[in-house]
């Protein structure tokens, strides 16, 4: 299982996936990772960069049929629809949870705090989550549960989707015409590290505060 996940997130593994399924595979993965809770393990950033590289006709591994402009539009749609799906799933579940009385593992005040957070900082959270693995899967769901205003969510959902897809896809495209394309695995590792850095920093701060309070 671990070997399969490593292969799935490697440049070679992604290239094989894209080569076999083309735009359909890309669309399905982006949609699942951003909209379905079980899709949190799927490659997102690495997938977009690799797809960008493979869509550059100058690159030796260019895949005919991959058009950067078509991909850009299609994957923005996939990312937007994915977040919409996550939001509606969370909203539906949230309606049930809001009606529950307080219990051992559930306190209404926590849900109310989440609602206040998404009303105040929801736009930033939705956009920032696009660039952070796991977060981009669960933040739309959490926003739906917390009853983030739908019009506000849609605006930031589309904005974040356009920024995320376009920036990483075109980064890969321009890398595809340079020598750095031959070191794609290393580039992907760096991108993944940078994307999880906010989680590492956040976790470190939380631990530091707990130790300081002792």
Protein backbone atom coordinates (compact mmCIF):
# COMPACT_ATOMS: atom_id res chain seq x y z
CA UNK A 1 0.00 0.00 0.00
CA UNK A 2 2.80 2.41 0.95
CA UNK A 3 4.68 1.62 -2.25
CA UNK A 4 1.52 2.27 -4.26
CA UNK A 5 1.04 5.68 -2.62
CA UNK A 6 4.67 6.60 -3.26
CA UNK A 7 4.31 5.61 -6.90
CA UNK A 8 1.05 7.56 -7.17
CA UNK A 9 2.78 10.75 -6.02
CA UNK A 10 5.93 10.27 -8.10
CA UNK A 11 6.54 12.02 -11.41
CA UNK A 12 6.79 8.68 -13.20
CA UNK A 13 3.59 7.32 -11.68
CA UNK A 14 1.64 10.47 -12.51
CA UNK A 15 3.02 10.51 -16.05
CA UNK A 16 1.78 6.94 -16.55
CA UNK A 17 -1.67 7.88 -15.23
CA UNK A 18 -1.92 10.92 -17.47
CA UNK A 19 -0.59 9.01 -20.45
CA UNK A 20 -3.20 6.30 -19.97
CA UNK A 21 -6.25 8.44 -19.23
CA UNK A 22 -5.38 11.94 -20.40
CA UNK A 23 -7.66 14.80 -19.42
CA UNK A 24 -10.36 12.45 -18.09
CA UNK A 25 -8.03 11.10 -15.42
CA UNK A 26 -6.85 14.59 -14.50
CA UNK A 27 -10.43 15.84 -14.20
CA UNK A 28 -11.47 12.86 -12.06
CA UNK A 29 -8.52 13.13 -9.67
CA UNK A 30 -8.88 16.88 -9.14
CA UNK A 31 -12.62 16.52 -8.56
CA UNK A 32 -12.22 13.62 -6.13
CA UNK A 33 -9.42 15.26 -4.15
CA UNK A 34 -11.30 18.53 -3.69
CA UNK A 35 -14.83 17.17 -3.30
CA UNK A 36 -14.88 13.66 -1.89
CA UNK A 37 -13.58 13.01 1.62
CA UNK A 38 -11.86 9.76 0.63
CA UNK A 39 -9.84 11.63 -2.00
CA UNK A 40 -7.49 13.28 0.48
CA UNK A 41 -4.62 10.92 -0.44
CA UNK A 42 -4.68 11.76 -4.15
CA UNK A 43 -1.94 13.89 -5.73
CA UNK A 44 -2.92 17.50 -6.36
CA UNK A 45 0.01 19.88 -6.60
CA UNK A 46 2.34 17.24 -8.05
CA UNK A 47 -0.34 16.18 -10.54
CA UNK A 48 -0.80 19.72 -11.84
CA UNK A 49 2.90 20.43 -12.21
CA UNK A 50 3.56 17.12 -13.98
CA UNK A 51 0.57 17.62 -16.29
CA UNK A 52 1.90 21.07 -17.16
CA UNK A 53 5.31 19.63 -18.03
CA UNK A 54 3.80 16.88 -20.18
CA UNK A 55 1.62 19.36 -22.08
CA UNK A 56 4.60 21.36 -23.36
CA UNK A 57 5.40 20.29 -26.95
CA UNK A 58 9.08 21.14 -26.38
CA UNK A 59 9.38 18.52 -23.65
CA UNK A 60 10.69 15.09 -24.81
CA UNK A 61 7.90 13.37 -22.82
CA UNK A 62 5.17 15.52 -24.35
CA UNK A 63 1.81 13.73 -24.51
CA UNK A 64 -0.10 14.56 -27.73
CA UNK A 65 -3.64 15.60 -26.97
CA UNK A 66 -2.78 17.48 -23.78
CA UNK A 67 -3.50 21.11 -24.52
CA UNK A 68 -2.51 23.53 -21.76
CA UNK A 69 -5.45 25.89 -22.40
CA UNK A 70 -8.05 23.11 -22.49
CA UNK A 71 -6.57 21.57 -19.35
CA UNK A 72 -6.56 24.91 -17.57
CA UNK A 73 -10.28 25.48 -18.16
CA UNK A 74 -11.33 21.87 -17.55
CA UNK A 75 -9.40 21.51 -14.30
CA UNK A 76 -10.70 24.83 -12.94
CA UNK A 77 -14.19 23.42 -13.52
CA UNK A 78 -13.20 20.16 -11.79
CA UNK A 79 -11.74 22.00 -8.79
CA UNK A 80 -14.78 24.27 -8.51
CA UNK A 81 -17.29 21.42 -8.79
CA UNK A 82 -15.25 19.42 -6.28
CA UNK A 83 -15.40 22.14 -3.66
CA UNK A 84 -19.11 22.65 -4.33
CA UNK A 85 -19.69 18.94 -3.71
CA UNK A 86 -17.70 19.05 -0.48
CA UNK A 87 -19.65 22.11 0.68
CA UNK A 88 -23.05 20.55 0.03
CA UNK A 89 -22.05 17.27 1.71
CA UNK A 90 -20.91 19.21 4.75
CA UNK A 91 -24.00 21.39 4.73
CA UNK A 92 -26.29 18.38 4.64
CA UNK A 93 -24.49 16.67 7.49
CA UNK A 94 -24.28 19.94 9.38
CA UNK A 95 -28.06 20.33 9.36
CA UNK A 96 -28.30 17.10 11.35
CA UNK A 97 -25.48 17.95 13.72
CA UNK A 98 -26.80 21.45 14.50
CA UNK A 99 -29.99 19.85 15.85
CA UNK A 100 -28.16 17.49 18.20
CA UNK A 101 -28.10 18.22 21.92
CA UNK A 102 -24.70 18.58 23.58
CA UNK A 103 -23.01 15.28 24.32
CA UNK A 104 -19.67 13.89 25.41
CA UNK A 105 -18.02 14.31 22.04
CA UNK A 106 -20.15 17.11 20.63
CA UNK A 107 -20.55 20.66 21.90
CA UNK A 108 -22.69 23.12 19.96
CA UNK A 109 -20.37 25.96 20.96
CA UNK A 110 -17.59 24.43 18.85
CA UNK A 111 -19.80 24.46 15.78
CA UNK A 112 -20.84 28.04 16.53
CA UNK A 113 -17.16 29.00 16.84
CA UNK A 114 -16.50 27.40 13.45
CA UNK A 115 -19.44 29.32 11.98
CA UNK A 116 -18.03 32.61 13.29
CA UNK A 117 -14.60 31.74 11.89
CA UNK A 118 -15.90 31.01 8.39
CA UNK A 119 -18.03 34.15 8.35
CA UNK A 120 -14.97 36.22 9.27
CA UNK A 121 -12.03 34.43 7.64
CA UNK A 122 -13.78 31.99 5.32
CA UNK A 123 -12.47 33.52 2.10
CA UNK A 124 -8.84 33.25 3.20
CA UNK A 125 -9.38 29.71 4.46
CA UNK A 126 -10.94 28.51 1.21
CA UNK A 127 -8.15 29.99 -0.94
CA UNK A 128 -5.26 28.98 1.34
CA UNK A 129 -6.60 25.42 1.61
CA UNK A 130 -6.22 24.97 -2.14
CA UNK A 131 -2.45 24.88 -1.70
CA UNK A 132 -2.37 22.60 1.35
CA UNK A 133 -2.85 18.81 1.00
CA UNK A 134 -5.71 17.32 3.04
CA UNK A 135 -6.97 20.83 3.86
CA UNK A 136 -8.23 21.28 0.30
CA UNK A 137 -10.31 18.12 0.79
CA UNK A 138 -11.82 18.92 4.19
CA UNK A 139 -12.12 22.74 4.32
CA UNK A 140 -15.08 22.90 1.86
CA UNK A 141 -16.82 20.19 3.88
CA UNK A 142 -16.15 22.08 7.13
CA UNK A 143 -17.37 25.34 5.55
CA UNK A 144 -20.64 23.64 4.64
CA UNK A 145 -21.05 22.23 8.14
CA UNK A 146 -20.36 25.64 9.67
CA UNK A 147 -22.97 27.26 7.39
CA UNK A 148 -20.57 29.61 5.67
CA UNK A 149 -22.76 31.88 3.49
CA UNK A 150 -23.07 30.13 0.13
CA UNK A 151 -22.60 33.22 -2.04
CA UNK A 152 -19.41 34.03 -0.17
CA UNK A 153 -18.20 30.44 -0.52
CA UNK A 154 -18.87 30.33 -4.26
CA UNK A 155 -16.89 33.51 -4.90
CA UNK A 156 -13.82 32.33 -2.96
CA UNK A 157 -14.18 28.80 -4.29
CA UNK A 158 -13.92 29.99 -7.91
CA UNK A 159 -11.16 32.48 -7.10
CA UNK A 160 -9.10 29.86 -5.27
CA UNK A 161 -9.67 27.28 -8.01
CA UNK A 162 -8.50 29.65 -10.74
CA UNK A 163 -5.38 30.64 -8.77
CA UNK A 164 -4.44 27.10 -7.74
CA UNK A 165 -4.96 25.37 -11.09
CA UNK A 166 -3.49 28.14 -13.24
CA UNK A 167 -0.39 28.81 -11.11
CA UNK A 168 0.75 25.18 -10.76
CA UNK A 169 -0.27 24.05 -14.25
CA UNK A 170 1.64 26.89 -15.93
CA UNK A 171 4.58 26.48 -13.56
CA UNK A 172 4.88 22.93 -14.87
CA UNK A 173 4.41 24.07 -18.46
CA UNK A 174 7.31 26.53 -18.27
CA UNK A 175 9.47 23.99 -16.42
CA UNK A 176 8.78 21.59 -19.27
CA UNK A 177 10.99 23.60 -21.61
CA UNK A 178 13.95 23.77 -19.20
CA UNK A 179 16.54 21.36 -17.85
CA UNK A 180 14.64 21.33 -14.55
CA UNK A 181 12.05 19.06 -16.19
CA UNK A 182 14.61 16.24 -15.90
CA UNK A 183 14.57 16.74 -12.12
CA UNK A 184 10.83 16.73 -11.75
CA UNK A 185 10.82 14.29 -8.83
CA UNK A 186 12.96 16.69 -6.78
CA UNK A 187 10.78 19.64 -7.74
CA UNK A 188 7.68 17.73 -6.65
CA UNK A 189 9.28 16.93 -3.28
CA UNK A 190 10.04 20.64 -2.77
CA UNK A 191 6.50 21.64 -3.75
CA UNK A 192 4.98 19.07 -1.38
CA UNK A 193 7.25 20.23 1.44
CA UNK A 194 6.31 23.87 0.89
CA UNK A 195 2.61 22.97 0.76
CA UNK A 196 2.68 21.10 4.09
CA UNK A 197 4.90 23.72 5.76
CA UNK A 198 1.90 25.68 7.11
CA UNK A 199 0.68 22.52 8.89
CA UNK A 200 4.14 21.92 10.36
CA UNK A 201 4.39 25.53 11.56
CA UNK A 202 0.84 25.47 12.95
CA UNK A 203 1.46 22.22 14.78
CA UNK A 204 4.76 23.52 16.15
CA UNK A 205 3.12 26.66 17.48
CA UNK A 206 0.38 24.65 19.15
CA UNK A 207 2.89 22.35 20.85
CA UNK A 208 4.98 25.36 21.92
CA UNK A 209 1.95 27.03 23.50
CA UNK A 210 1.05 23.83 25.33
CA UNK A 211 4.57 23.44 26.67
CA UNK A 212 4.65 27.09 27.67
CA UNK A 213 1.40 26.72 29.57
CA UNK A 214 2.74 23.78 31.61
